[in-house]
């Protein structure tokens, strides 16, 4: 039973992490405005999610890997959009 609770908490945490980036990505795509996005923060965030993904691979923990790869993709998209808009200015 403890393993089930542990996994449920992990899944809930992963879903929250993944979902948290969706509104920001949607707003940037819709408005084409990244002025409110910190470039340095997203660089660090993308590096962090890449490292978490690697950590998950080393632990062979598929939930850790998958959730961090999804979040890495969303944060990476926001970073790319920020970089593209910065070059256009």
Protein backbone atom coordinates (compact mmCIF):
# COMPACT_ATOMS: atom_id res chain seq x y z
CA UNK A 1 0.00 0.00 0.00
CA UNK A 2 2.87 2.40 0.76
CA UNK A 3 4.22 1.92 -2.78
CA UNK A 4 0.83 2.81 -4.24
CA UNK A 5 0.69 6.02 -2.20
CA UNK A 6 4.26 6.88 -3.15
CA UNK A 7 3.49 6.38 -6.84
CA UNK A 8 0.27 8.41 -6.58
CA UNK A 9 2.16 11.33 -5.03
CA UNK A 10 4.82 11.06 -7.74
CA UNK A 11 2.23 11.03 -10.53
CA UNK A 12 0.41 14.01 -9.01
CA UNK A 13 3.67 15.95 -8.72
CA UNK A 14 4.63 15.08 -12.30
CA UNK A 15 1.24 16.17 -13.64
CA UNK A 16 1.47 19.49 -11.80
CA UNK A 17 4.97 20.11 -13.17
CA UNK A 18 3.97 19.26 -16.72
CA UNK A 19 0.71 21.20 -16.70
CA UNK A 20 2.30 24.30 -15.16
CA UNK A 21 4.14 25.16 -18.39
CA UNK A 22 1.14 24.78 -20.72
CA UNK A 23 -0.51 28.17 -19.98
CA UNK A 24 2.78 30.04 -20.53
CA UNK A 25 3.50 28.24 -23.81
CA UNK A 26 -0.08 28.77 -25.00
CA UNK A 27 0.01 32.48 -24.16
CA UNK A 28 3.33 33.00 -25.95
CA UNK A 29 2.12 31.17 -29.06
CA UNK A 30 -1.19 33.04 -29.08
CA UNK A 31 0.17 36.54 -28.34
CA UNK A 32 3.60 36.21 -29.97
CA UNK A 33 5.00 38.09 -26.97
CA UNK A 34 7.86 36.83 -24.83
CA UNK A 35 8.71 40.11 -23.13
CA UNK A 36 7.52 38.78 -19.77
CA UNK A 37 9.72 35.68 -19.98
CA UNK A 38 13.13 35.61 -18.32
CA UNK A 39 15.74 34.17 -20.68
CA UNK A 40 18.15 33.29 -17.86
CA UNK A 41 15.43 31.55 -15.85
CA UNK A 42 14.37 29.38 -18.79
CA UNK A 43 17.99 28.46 -19.62
CA UNK A 44 18.44 27.24 -16.04
CA UNK A 45 15.03 25.53 -16.08
CA UNK A 46 15.80 23.64 -19.31
CA UNK A 47 19.18 22.55 -17.96
CA UNK A 48 17.51 21.42 -14.73
CA UNK A 49 14.89 19.32 -16.52
CA UNK A 50 17.58 17.78 -18.73
CA UNK A 51 19.55 16.83 -15.62
CA UNK A 52 16.43 15.43 -13.91
CA UNK A 53 15.76 13.35 -17.01
CA UNK A 54 19.32 12.01 -16.92
CA UNK A 55 18.95 11.26 -13.22
CA UNK A 56 15.78 9.33 -13.96
CA UNK A 57 17.60 7.31 -16.63
CA UNK A 58 20.37 6.48 -14.17
CA UNK A 59 17.78 5.38 -11.61
CA UNK A 60 15.77 3.56 -14.30
CA UNK A 61 12.68 5.39 -13.12
CA UNK A 62 10.40 5.77 -16.15
CA UNK A 63 7.95 8.14 -14.42
CA UNK A 64 10.81 10.47 -13.55
CA UNK A 65 12.21 10.29 -17.07
CA UNK A 66 8.90 10.73 -18.92
CA UNK A 67 7.57 13.56 -16.79
CA UNK A 68 10.82 15.48 -16.97
CA UNK A 69 11.17 14.93 -20.73
CA UNK A 70 7.65 16.28 -21.29
CA UNK A 71 8.38 19.28 -19.09
CA UNK A 72 11.77 19.72 -20.77
CA UNK A 73 9.98 19.86 -24.12
CA UNK A 74 7.53 22.51 -22.93
CA UNK A 75 10.21 24.62 -21.22
CA UNK A 76 12.46 24.14 -24.26
CA UNK A 77 9.70 25.38 -26.55
CA UNK A 78 9.30 28.51 -24.45
CA UNK A 79 13.08 29.03 -24.47
CA UNK A 80 13.25 28.66 -28.26
CA UNK A 81 10.37 31.11 -28.71
CA UNK A 82 12.12 33.57 -26.40
CA UNK A 83 15.39 33.22 -28.32
CA UNK A 84 13.60 33.66 -31.66
CA UNK A 85 11.83 36.80 -30.47
CA UNK A 86 15.06 38.21 -29.03
CA UNK A 87 16.79 37.85 -32.41
CA UNK A 88 13.93 39.66 -34.11
CA UNK A 89 14.46 42.77 -32.01
